[in-house]
Amino acid sequence: MSFTGPRAARWAALCCLALALPTKAARDEAVLRACLAANASAASLAQDIAITQTDANGAIKRLSGRWYWRRGSPDQQAMLKLAAPADLAGASYLFLRKSGREAFYLYLPSVRKVRKVVGATVAQSLFGSGLSAFDLKFLFSGLSGGQFSYVGPDKVGARTGERWRYVPPTDPDILYDRADLVIDDLWCLPVKAELYGGVPWKTLIVDQATVTQVDGRWRAGRVLMQDLREGSRSEIRLGTEQTDKVLPDALFNPDKFYRQP
């Protein structure tokens, strides 16, 4: 069957309209949030972390330590303590969110002093790792609050997924104004994140070969991060985790966290 003249023009217009209509997400925002939450530890997490950072000039720095996270909805607490390199052993970072208020603390053994991290400092590289205090907050806190909007189907490597745009809640301390995420269809895990702060800022990509299922939750063992503004790259390796264990309050006390454990 063929169409000519006005009939063909109408048929072409209908086809173009169908192609222009947005495709429907396989899950709505509520379902997306539920499956993301199902992948998160319910109450706490303790895990080894190793970071290899390569700056724009090719210089390499390696750091390792352990991080701790505890949630009491909607409050969150997180702490990172380094074990290496030797000159940074004992350096610690603390993030607290309580009653909608957030605070960052940093301890450096070289000065033996805790200082509060404020303002633009939260965007600066922490311990020379390529990760900032805000990056760690993003990794610790996940995608709480804010708003998701569906963009369309997408693919990262061999994995199919959905692209969603996440706009965080309005907050003067939030440096990223949006994150474009590819959520894997099966894992319900962000396998790629593009972070924007007015301009493209950082990209995080999960090494899909390191994704495993632990106690029903999907976990990535290796994440690659690129800082598009500074030209640096960071490889983040995550070790075996302990989830939902009782963590001592001292880990999250601004006066004691750097002395733990």
C-alpha atoms as a PDB file:
ATOM      1  CA  MET A   1       0.000   0.000   0.000  1.00  0.00           C
ATOM      2  CA  SER A   2       1.383   3.431  -0.951  1.00  0.00           C
ATOM      3  CA  PHE A   3       0.279   6.989  -0.290  1.00  0.00           C
ATOM      4  CA  THR A   4       0.738  10.024  -2.489  1.00  0.00           C
ATOM      5  CA  GLY A   5      -0.058  13.707  -2.267  1.00  0.00           C
ATOM      6  CA  PRO A   6      -1.860  15.109   0.825  1.00  0.00           C
ATOM      7  CA  ARG A   7      -2.498  11.630   2.221  1.00  0.00           C
ATOM      8  CA  ALA A   8       1.221  10.864   2.197  1.00  0.00           C
ATOM      9  CA  ALA A   9       1.967  14.177   3.870  1.00  0.00           C
ATOM     10  CA  ARG A  10      -0.535  13.419   6.670  1.00  0.00           C
ATOM     11  CA  TRP A  11       0.946   9.944   7.150  1.00  0.00           C
ATOM     12  CA  ALA A  12       4.475  11.367   7.374  1.00  0.00           C
ATOM     13  CA  ALA A  13       3.300  13.953   9.908  1.00  0.00           C
ATOM     14  CA  LEU A  14       1.713  11.249  12.086  1.00  0.00           C
ATOM     15  CA  CYS A  15       4.916   9.197  11.974  1.00  0.00           C
ATOM     16  CA  CYS A  16       7.015  12.203  12.998  1.00  0.00           C
ATOM     17  CA  LEU A  17       4.600  12.976  15.835  1.00  0.00           C
ATOM     18  CA  ALA A  18       4.840   9.404  17.122  1.00  0.00           C
ATOM     19  CA  LEU A  19       8.620   9.578  17.083  1.00  0.00           C
ATOM     20  CA  ALA A  20       8.573  12.907  18.928  1.00  0.00           C
ATOM     21  CA  LEU A  21       6.341  11.682  21.751  1.00  0.00           C
ATOM     22  CA  PRO A  22       8.336  10.892  24.934  1.00  0.00           C
ATOM     23  CA  THR A  23       8.680   7.227  25.789  1.00  0.00           C
ATOM     24  CA  LYS A  24       7.275   6.069  29.098  1.00  0.00           C
ATOM     25  CA  ALA A  25       9.654   5.025  31.858  1.00  0.00           C
ATOM     26  CA  ALA A  26       9.503   1.381  32.891  1.00  0.00           C
ATOM     27  CA  ARG A  27       8.995   2.640  36.463  1.00  0.00           C
ATOM     28  CA  ASP A  28       7.720   5.901  37.877  1.00  0.00           C
ATOM     29  CA  GLU A  29       9.651   8.061  40.334  1.00  0.00           C
ATOM     30  CA  ALA A  30       8.153   6.353  43.404  1.00  0.00           C
ATOM     31  CA  VAL A  31       9.121   2.898  42.103  1.00  0.00           C
ATOM     32  CA  LEU A  32      12.597   4.170  41.183  1.00  0.00           C
ATOM     33  CA  ARG A  33      13.172   5.568  44.676  1.00  0.00           C
ATOM     34  CA  ALA A  34      11.921   2.338  46.233  1.00  0.00           C
ATOM     35  CA  CYS A  35      14.325   0.139  44.251  1.00  0.00           C
ATOM     36  CA  LEU A  36      17.249   2.518  44.863  1.00  0.00           C
ATOM     37  CA  ALA A  37      16.455   2.388  48.587  1.00  0.00           C
ATOM     38  CA  ALA A  38      16.292  -1.410  48.447  1.00  0.00           C
ATOM     39  CA  ASN A  39      19.900  -1.395  47.196  1.00  0.00           C
ATOM     40  CA  ALA A  40      21.049   0.791  50.102  1.00  0.00           C
ATOM     41  CA  SER A  41      22.031  -0.447  53.526  1.00  0.00           C
ATOM     42  CA  ALA A  42      19.084   0.038  55.828  1.00  0.00           C
ATOM     43  CA  ALA A  43      20.938   1.374  58.865  1.00  0.00           C
ATOM     44  CA  SER A  44      24.731   1.324  58.626  1.00  0.00           C
ATOM     45  CA  LEU A  45      27.782   0.477  56.563  1.00  0.00           C
ATOM     46  CA  ALA A  46      31.494  -0.068  57.261  1.00  0.00           C
ATOM     47  CA  GLN A  47      33.801  -0.650  54.294  1.00  0.00           C
ATOM     48  CA  ASP A  48      37.420  -0.417  53.173  1.00  0.00           C
ATOM     49  CA  ILE A  49      38.122   2.118  50.430  1.00  0.00           C
ATOM     50  CA  ALA A  50      41.191   2.702  48.232  1.00  0.00           C
ATOM     51  CA  ILE A  51      41.623   5.703  45.930  1.00  0.00           C
ATOM     52  CA  THR A  52      44.183   6.168  43.164  1.00  0.00           C
ATOM     53  CA  GLN A  53      44.209   9.721  41.859  1.00  0.00           C
ATOM     54  CA  THR A  54      46.002  10.829  38.687  1.00  0.00           C
ATOM     55  CA  ASP A  55      46.211  14.589  38.237  1.00  0.00           C
ATOM     56  CA  ALA A  56      46.294  16.510  34.954  1.00  0.00           C
ATOM     57  CA  ASN A  57      50.097  16.253  34.846  1.00  0.00           C
ATOM     58  CA  GLY A  58      50.098  12.479  35.317  1.00  0.00           C
ATOM     59  CA  ALA A  59      51.228  12.504  38.965  1.00  0.00           C
ATOM     60  CA  ILE A  60      49.728   9.585  40.910  1.00  0.00           C
ATOM     61  CA  LYS A  61      48.636   9.546  44.533  1.00  0.00           C
ATOM     62  CA  ARG A  62      47.289   6.510  46.390  1.00  0.00           C
ATOM     63  CA  LEU A  63      45.205   6.611  49.553  1.00  0.00           C
ATOM     64  CA  SER A  64      43.441   3.907  51.529  1.00  0.00           C
ATOM     65  CA  GLY A  65      41.302   3.748  54.616  1.00  0.00           C
ATOM     66  CA  ARG A  66      37.859   2.839  55.868  1.00  0.00           C
ATOM     67  CA  TRP A  67      34.558   4.646  55.828  1.00  0.00           C
ATOM     68  CA  TYR A  68      31.537   4.358  58.089  1.00  0.00           C
ATOM     69  CA  TRP A  69      27.966   5.421  57.480  1.00  0.00           C
ATOM     70  CA  ARG A  70      24.865   5.436  59.665  1.00  0.00           C
ATOM     71  CA  ARG A  71      21.339   6.538  58.889  1.00  0.00           C
ATOM     72  CA  GLY A  72      18.443   7.453  61.108  1.00  0.00           C
ATOM     73  CA  SER A  73      15.853   8.831  58.693  1.00  0.00           C
ATOM     74  CA  PRO A  74      16.136  11.607  57.675  1.00  0.00           C
ATOM     75  CA  ASP A  75      19.423  12.156  59.541  1.00  0.00           C
ATOM     76  CA  GLN A  76      22.739  10.737  58.316  1.00  0.00           C
ATOM     77  CA  GLN A  77      26.254  10.429  59.689  1.00  0.00           C
ATOM     78  CA  ALA A  78      29.415   9.430  57.828  1.00  0.00           C
ATOM     79  CA  MET A  79      33.114   9.226  58.607  1.00  0.00           C
ATOM     80  CA  LEU A  80      36.210   8.437  56.537  1.00  0.00           C
ATOM     81  CA  LYS A  81      39.566   7.644  58.159  1.00  0.00           C
ATOM     82  CA  LEU A  82      42.785   7.149  56.186  1.00  0.00           C
ATOM     83  CA  ALA A  83      45.402   4.497  56.964  1.00  0.00           C
ATOM     84  CA  ALA A  84      47.819   5.338  54.119  1.00  0.00           C
ATOM     85  CA  PRO A  85      49.970   7.003  52.901  1.00  0.00           C
ATOM     86  CA  ALA A  86      52.058   7.294  56.061  1.00  0.00           C
ATOM     87  CA  ASP A  87      52.013  11.098  56.124  1.00  0.00           C
ATOM     88  CA  LEU A  88      48.197  11.077  56.133  1.00  0.00           C
ATOM     89  CA  ALA A  89      47.590   8.065  58.398  1.00  0.00           C
ATOM     90  CA  GLY A  90      44.872   9.091  60.836  1.00  0.00           C
ATOM     91  CA  ALA A  91      43.498  11.931  58.707  1.00  0.00           C
ATOM     92  CA  SER A  92      39.719  11.848  59.095  1.00  0.00           C
ATOM     93  CA  TYR A  93      36.607  13.437  57.634  1.00  0.00           C
ATOM     94  CA  LEU A  94      33.172  13.631  59.247  1.00  0.00           C
ATOM     95  CA  PHE A  95      29.807  14.527  57.697  1.00  0.00           C
ATOM     96  CA  LEU A  96      26.693  15.067  59.818  1.00  0.00           C
ATOM     97  CA  ARG A  97      23.145  15.874  58.765  1.00  0.00           C
ATOM     98  CA  LYS A  98      20.590  16.447  61.484  1.00  0.00           C
ATOM     99  CA  SER A  99      17.215  18.203  61.427  1.00  0.00           C
ATOM    100  CA  GLY A 100      17.964  19.519  57.948  1.00  0.00           C
ATOM    101  CA  ARG A 101      21.289  21.065  58.969  1.00  0.00           C
ATOM    102  CA  GLU A 102      24.634  19.800  57.696  1.00  0.00           C
ATOM    103  CA  ALA A 103      28.169  20.049  59.022  1.00  0.00           C
ATOM    104  CA  PHE A 104      31.571  18.884  57.744  1.00  0.00           C
ATOM    105  CA  TYR A 105      34.652  18.330  59.927  1.00  0.00           C
ATOM    106  CA  LEU A 106      38.242  17.543  59.013  1.00  0.00           C
ATOM    107  CA  TYR A 107      41.132  16.284  61.143  1.00  0.00           C
ATOM    108  CA  LEU A 108      44.755  16.378  59.962  1.00  0.00           C
ATOM    109  CA  PRO A 109      47.368  14.635  62.138  1.00  0.00           C
ATOM    110  CA  SER A 110      50.031  17.131  61.007  1.00  0.00           C
ATOM    111  CA  VAL A 111      48.249  19.945  62.857  1.00  0.00           C
ATOM    112  CA  ARG A 112      46.472  17.754  65.444  1.00  0.00           C
ATOM    113  CA  LYS A 113      43.380  19.846  65.162  1.00  0.00           C
ATOM    114  CA  VAL A 114      39.757  19.456  64.044  1.00  0.00           C
ATOM    115  CA  ARG A 115      38.448  22.174  61.786  1.00  0.00           C
ATOM    116  CA  LYS A 116      35.015  22.764  60.356  1.00  0.00           C
ATOM    117  CA  VAL A 117      34.820  22.669  56.571  1.00  0.00           C
ATOM    118  CA  VAL A 118      32.735  25.563  55.240  1.00  0.00           C
ATOM    119  CA  GLY A 119      31.994  27.456  52.040  1.00  0.00           C
ATOM    120  CA  ALA A 120      33.923  26.717  48.865  1.00  0.00           C
ATOM    121  CA  THR A 121      36.278  24.418  50.815  1.00  0.00           C
ATOM    122  CA  VAL A 122      33.745  21.587  50.463  1.00  0.00           C
ATOM    123  CA  ALA A 123      34.522  21.549  46.718  1.00  0.00           C
ATOM    124  CA  GLN A 124      38.287  21.267  47.129  1.00  0.00           C
ATOM    125  CA  SER A 125      40.160  17.969  46.779  1.00  0.00           C
ATOM    126  CA  LEU A 126      40.148  16.140  50.103  1.00  0.00           C
ATOM    127  CA  PHE A 127      43.570  14.807  51.173  1.00  0.00           C
ATOM    128  CA  GLY A 128      44.695  15.291  47.562  1.00  0.00           C
ATOM    129  CA  SER A 129      42.474  12.379  46.519  1.00  0.00           C
ATOM    130  CA  GLY A 130      40.535  14.111  43.746  1.00  0.00           C
ATOM    131  CA  LEU A 131      37.413  13.598  45.862  1.00  0.00           C
ATOM    132  CA  SER A 132      35.959  16.609  47.641  1.00  0.00           C
ATOM    133  CA  ALA A 133      33.990  16.706  50.873  1.00  0.00           C
ATOM    134  CA  PHE A 134      30.932  17.289  48.732  1.00  0.00           C
ATOM    135  CA  ASP A 135      31.675  14.247  46.566  1.00  0.00           C
ATOM    136  CA  LEU A 136      31.796  12.086  49.680  1.00  0.00           C
ATOM    137  CA  LYS A 137      28.553  13.628  50.877  1.00  0.00           C
ATOM    138  CA  PHE A 138      27.035  12.734  47.493  1.00  0.00           C
ATOM    139  CA  LEU A 139      28.297   9.132  47.792  1.00  0.00           C
ATOM    140  CA  PHE A 140      27.276   8.830  51.445  1.00  0.00           C
ATOM    141  CA  SER A 141      23.870  10.506  51.218  1.00  0.00           C
ATOM    142  CA  GLY A 142      22.759   9.138  47.913  1.00  0.00           C
ATOM    143  CA  LEU A 143      19.829  10.763  46.169  1.00  0.00           C
ATOM    144  CA  SER A 144      17.602  11.753  49.061  1.00  0.00           C
ATOM    145  CA  GLY A 145      15.087  14.562  48.593  1.00  0.00           C
ATOM    146  CA  GLY A 146      15.156  16.501  45.369  1.00  0.00           C
ATOM    147  CA  GLN A 147      13.298  15.486  42.228  1.00  0.00           C
ATOM    148  CA  PHE A 148      13.732  12.879  39.503  1.00  0.00           C
ATOM    149  CA  SER A 149      12.533  13.279  35.930  1.00  0.00           C
ATOM    150  CA  TYR A 150      12.667  10.592  33.257  1.00  0.00           C
ATOM    151  CA  VAL A 151      14.748  11.386  30.162  1.00  0.00           C
ATOM    152  CA  GLY A 152      14.640   8.194  28.118  1.00  0.00           C
ATOM    153  CA  PRO A 153      16.181   4.760  27.557  1.00  0.00           C
ATOM    154  CA  ASP A 154      19.968   4.573  27.582  1.00  0.00           C
ATOM    155  CA  LYS A 155      22.843   2.122  27.537  1.00  0.00           C
ATOM    156  CA  VAL A 156      26.292   1.980  29.171  1.00  0.00           C
ATOM    157  CA  GLY A 157      28.500  -0.662  27.632  1.00  0.00           C
ATOM    158  CA  ALA A 158      26.456  -3.853  27.386  1.00  0.00           C
ATOM    159  CA  ARG A 159      23.991  -2.773  30.088  1.00  0.00           C
ATOM    160  CA  THR A 160      20.592  -1.309  29.229  1.00  0.00           C
ATOM    161  CA  GLY A 161      18.952   1.197  31.512  1.00  0.00           C
ATOM    162  CA  GLU A 162      16.990   4.400  31.886  1.00  0.00           C
ATOM    163  CA  ARG A 163      18.374   7.925  31.953  1.00  0.00           C
ATOM    164  CA  TRP A 164      16.982  10.041  34.777  1.00  0.00           C
ATOM    165  CA  ARG A 165      17.749  13.629  35.711  1.00  0.00           C
ATOM    166  CA  TYR A 166      18.092  14.327  39.418  1.00  0.00           C
ATOM    167  CA  VAL A 167      17.751  17.894  40.704  1.00  0.00           C
ATOM    168  CA  PRO A 168      18.763  18.183  44.380  1.00  0.00           C
ATOM    169  CA  PRO A 169      16.720  20.190  46.880  1.00  0.00           C
ATOM    170  CA  THR A 170      17.406  23.919  47.012  1.00  0.00           C
ATOM    171  CA  ASP A 171      20.272  24.438  49.430  1.00  0.00           C
ATOM    172  CA  PRO A 172      23.098  27.015  49.408  1.00  0.00           C
ATOM    173  CA  ASP A 173      25.537  24.258  50.416  1.00  0.00           C
ATOM    174  CA  ILE A 174      24.699  22.078  47.413  1.00  0.00           C
ATOM    175  CA  LEU A 175      27.312  22.601  44.697  1.00  0.00           C
ATOM    176  CA  TYR A 176      25.876  20.342  42.004  1.00  0.00           C
ATOM    177  CA  ASP A 177      22.697  21.706  40.436  1.00  0.00           C
ATOM    178  CA  ARG A 178      21.841  18.442  38.718  1.00  0.00           C
ATOM    179  CA  ALA A 179      22.984  14.899  38.071  1.00  0.00           C
ATOM    180  CA  ASP A 180      22.162  12.902  34.956  1.00  0.00           C
ATOM    181  CA  LEU A 181      22.066   9.212  35.864  1.00  0.00           C
ATOM    182  CA  VAL A 182      21.821   5.984  33.921  1.00  0.00           C
ATOM    183  CA  ILE A 183      19.985   3.471  36.143  1.00  0.00           C
ATOM    184  CA  ASP A 184      20.580  -0.145  35.152  1.00  0.00           C
ATOM    185  CA  ASP A 185      17.381  -2.019  34.310  1.00  0.00           C
ATOM    186  CA  LEU A 186      18.195  -5.123  36.365  1.00  0.00           C
ATOM    187  CA  TRP A 187      20.490  -3.834  39.084  1.00  0.00           C
ATOM    188  CA  CYS A 188      18.581  -0.595  39.757  1.00  0.00           C
ATOM    189  CA  LEU A 189      22.049   0.818  40.346  1.00  0.00           C
ATOM    190  CA  PRO A 190      23.395   4.045  38.812  1.00  0.00           C
ATOM    191  CA  VAL A 191      26.072   2.789  36.400  1.00  0.00           C
ATOM    192  CA  LYS A 192      26.917   6.295  35.200  1.00  0.00           C
ATOM    193  CA  ALA A 193      26.513   9.725  36.761  1.00  0.00           C
ATOM    194  CA  GLU A 194      27.233  13.081  35.130  1.00  0.00           C
ATOM    195  CA  LEU A 195      27.432  15.863  37.722  1.00  0.00           C
ATOM    196  CA  TYR A 196      26.832  19.489  36.773  1.00  0.00           C
ATOM    197  CA  GLY A 197      27.597  22.693  38.636  1.00  0.00           C
ATOM    198  CA  GLY A 198      26.507  25.225  36.035  1.00  0.00           C
ATOM    199  CA  VAL A 199      28.797  23.376  33.606  1.00  0.00           C
ATOM    200  CA  PRO A 200      29.718  19.684  33.243  1.00  0.00           C
ATOM    201  CA  TRP A 201      31.863  18.995  36.303  1.00  0.00           C
ATOM    202  CA  LYS A 202      32.465  15.323  37.039  1.00  0.00           C
ATOM    203  CA  THR A 203      31.612  11.949  35.561  1.00  0.00           C
ATOM    204  CA  LEU A 204      31.412   8.705  37.526  1.00  0.00           C
ATOM    205  CA  ILE A 205      31.271   5.327  35.779  1.00  0.00           C
ATOM    206  CA  VAL A 206      30.836   1.962  37.495  1.00  0.00           C
ATOM    207  CA  ASP A 207      33.107  -0.879  36.422  1.00  0.00           C
ATOM    208  CA  GLN A 208      30.353  -3.323  35.499  1.00  0.00           C
ATOM    209  CA  ALA A 209      32.637  -6.355  35.889  1.00  0.00           C
ATOM    210  CA  THR A 210      32.901  -5.578  39.620  1.00  0.00           C
ATOM    211  CA  VAL A 211      29.151  -5.465  40.323  1.00  0.00           C
ATOM    212  CA  THR A 212      28.024  -8.281  42.627  1.00  0.00           C
ATOM    213  CA  GLN A 213      24.947  -9.067  44.670  1.00  0.00           C
ATOM    214  CA  VAL A 214      25.420  -9.189  48.438  1.00  0.00           C
ATOM    215  CA  ASP A 215      22.476 -10.022  50.708  1.00  0.00           C
ATOM    216  CA  GLY A 216      20.070  -9.110  47.919  1.00  0.00           C
ATOM    217  CA  ARG A 217      21.706  -5.729  47.238  1.00  0.00           C
ATOM    218  CA  TRP A 218      23.723  -4.884  44.133  1.00  0.00           C
ATOM    219  CA  ARG A 219      27.168  -3.427  44.857  1.00  0.00           C
ATOM    220  CA  ALA A 220      29.939  -1.943  42.705  1.00  0.00           C
ATOM    221  CA  GLY A 221      33.522  -2.791  43.640  1.00  0.00           C
ATOM    222  CA  ARG A 222      35.181  -0.170  41.438  1.00  0.00           C
ATOM    223  CA  VAL A 223      34.133   3.306  40.312  1.00  0.00           C
ATOM    224  CA  LEU A 224      36.018   5.621  37.944  1.00  0.00           C
ATOM    225  CA  MET A 225      35.651   9.372  38.387  1.00  0.00           C
ATOM    226  CA  GLN A 226      36.835  12.110  36.036  1.00  0.00           C
ATOM    227  CA  ASP A 227      37.039  15.783  36.988  1.00  0.00           C
ATOM    228  CA  LEU A 228      36.305  17.602  33.733  1.00  0.00           C
ATOM    229  CA  ARG A 229      37.435  20.982  35.035  1.00  0.00           C
ATOM    230  CA  GLU A 230      40.747  19.944  36.579  1.00  0.00           C
ATOM    231  CA  GLY A 231      41.536  17.111  34.180  1.00  0.00           C
ATOM    232  CA  SER A 232      42.171  14.597  36.970  1.00  0.00           C
ATOM    233  CA  ARG A 233      41.000  10.987  37.253  1.00  0.00           C
ATOM    234  CA  SER A 234      40.290   8.931  40.357  1.00  0.00           C
ATOM    235  CA  GLU A 235      39.817   5.188  40.701  1.00  0.00           C
ATOM    236  CA  ILE A 236      37.758   4.224  43.768  1.00  0.00           C
ATOM    237  CA  ARG A 237      37.935   0.602  44.930  1.00  0.00           C
ATOM    238  CA  LEU A 238      35.464  -0.583  47.544  1.00  0.00           C
ATOM    239  CA  GLY A 239      36.231  -3.609  49.704  1.00  0.00           C
ATOM    240  CA  THR A 240      34.047  -6.118  51.509  1.00  0.00           C
ATOM    241  CA  GLU A 241      31.376  -4.312  53.458  1.00  0.00           C
ATOM    242  CA  GLN A 242      29.705  -4.881  56.783  1.00  0.00           C
ATOM    243  CA  THR A 243      26.120  -3.724  56.727  1.00  0.00           C
ATOM    244  CA  ASP A 244      23.570  -2.902  59.398  1.00  0.00           C
ATOM    245  CA  LYS A 245      25.932  -3.479  62.315  1.00  0.00           C
ATOM    246  CA  VAL A 246      25.831  -1.370  65.456  1.00  0.00           C
ATOM    247  CA  LEU A 247      28.402   1.421  65.098  1.00  0.00           C
ATOM    248  CA  PRO A 248      29.672   3.319  68.166  1.00  0.00           C
ATOM    249  CA  ASP A 249      28.471   6.897  68.625  1.00  0.00           C
ATOM    250  CA  ALA A 250      32.083   8.049  69.033  1.00  0.00           C
ATOM    251  CA  LEU A 251      32.662   7.472  65.293  1.00  0.00           C
ATOM    252  CA  PHE A 252      30.354  10.410  64.589  1.00  0.00           C
ATOM    253  CA  ASN A 253      31.227  12.704  67.489  1.00  0.00           C
ATOM    254  CA  PRO A 254      33.088  15.884  66.308  1.00  0.00           C
ATOM    255  CA  ASP A 255      35.264  15.707  69.424  1.00  0.00           C
ATOM    256  CA  LYS A 256      36.168  12.024  69.116  1.00  0.00           C
ATOM    257  CA  PHE A 257      35.753  10.763  65.529  1.00  0.00           C
ATOM    258  CA  TYR A 258      39.436  11.029  64.564  1.00  0.00           C
ATOM    259  CA  ARG A 259      40.452   8.862  67.532  1.00  0.00           C
ATOM    260  CA  GLN A 260      38.264   5.960  66.352  1.00  0.00           C
ATOM    261  CA  PRO A 261      38.301   3.062  66.002  1.00  0.00           C
END
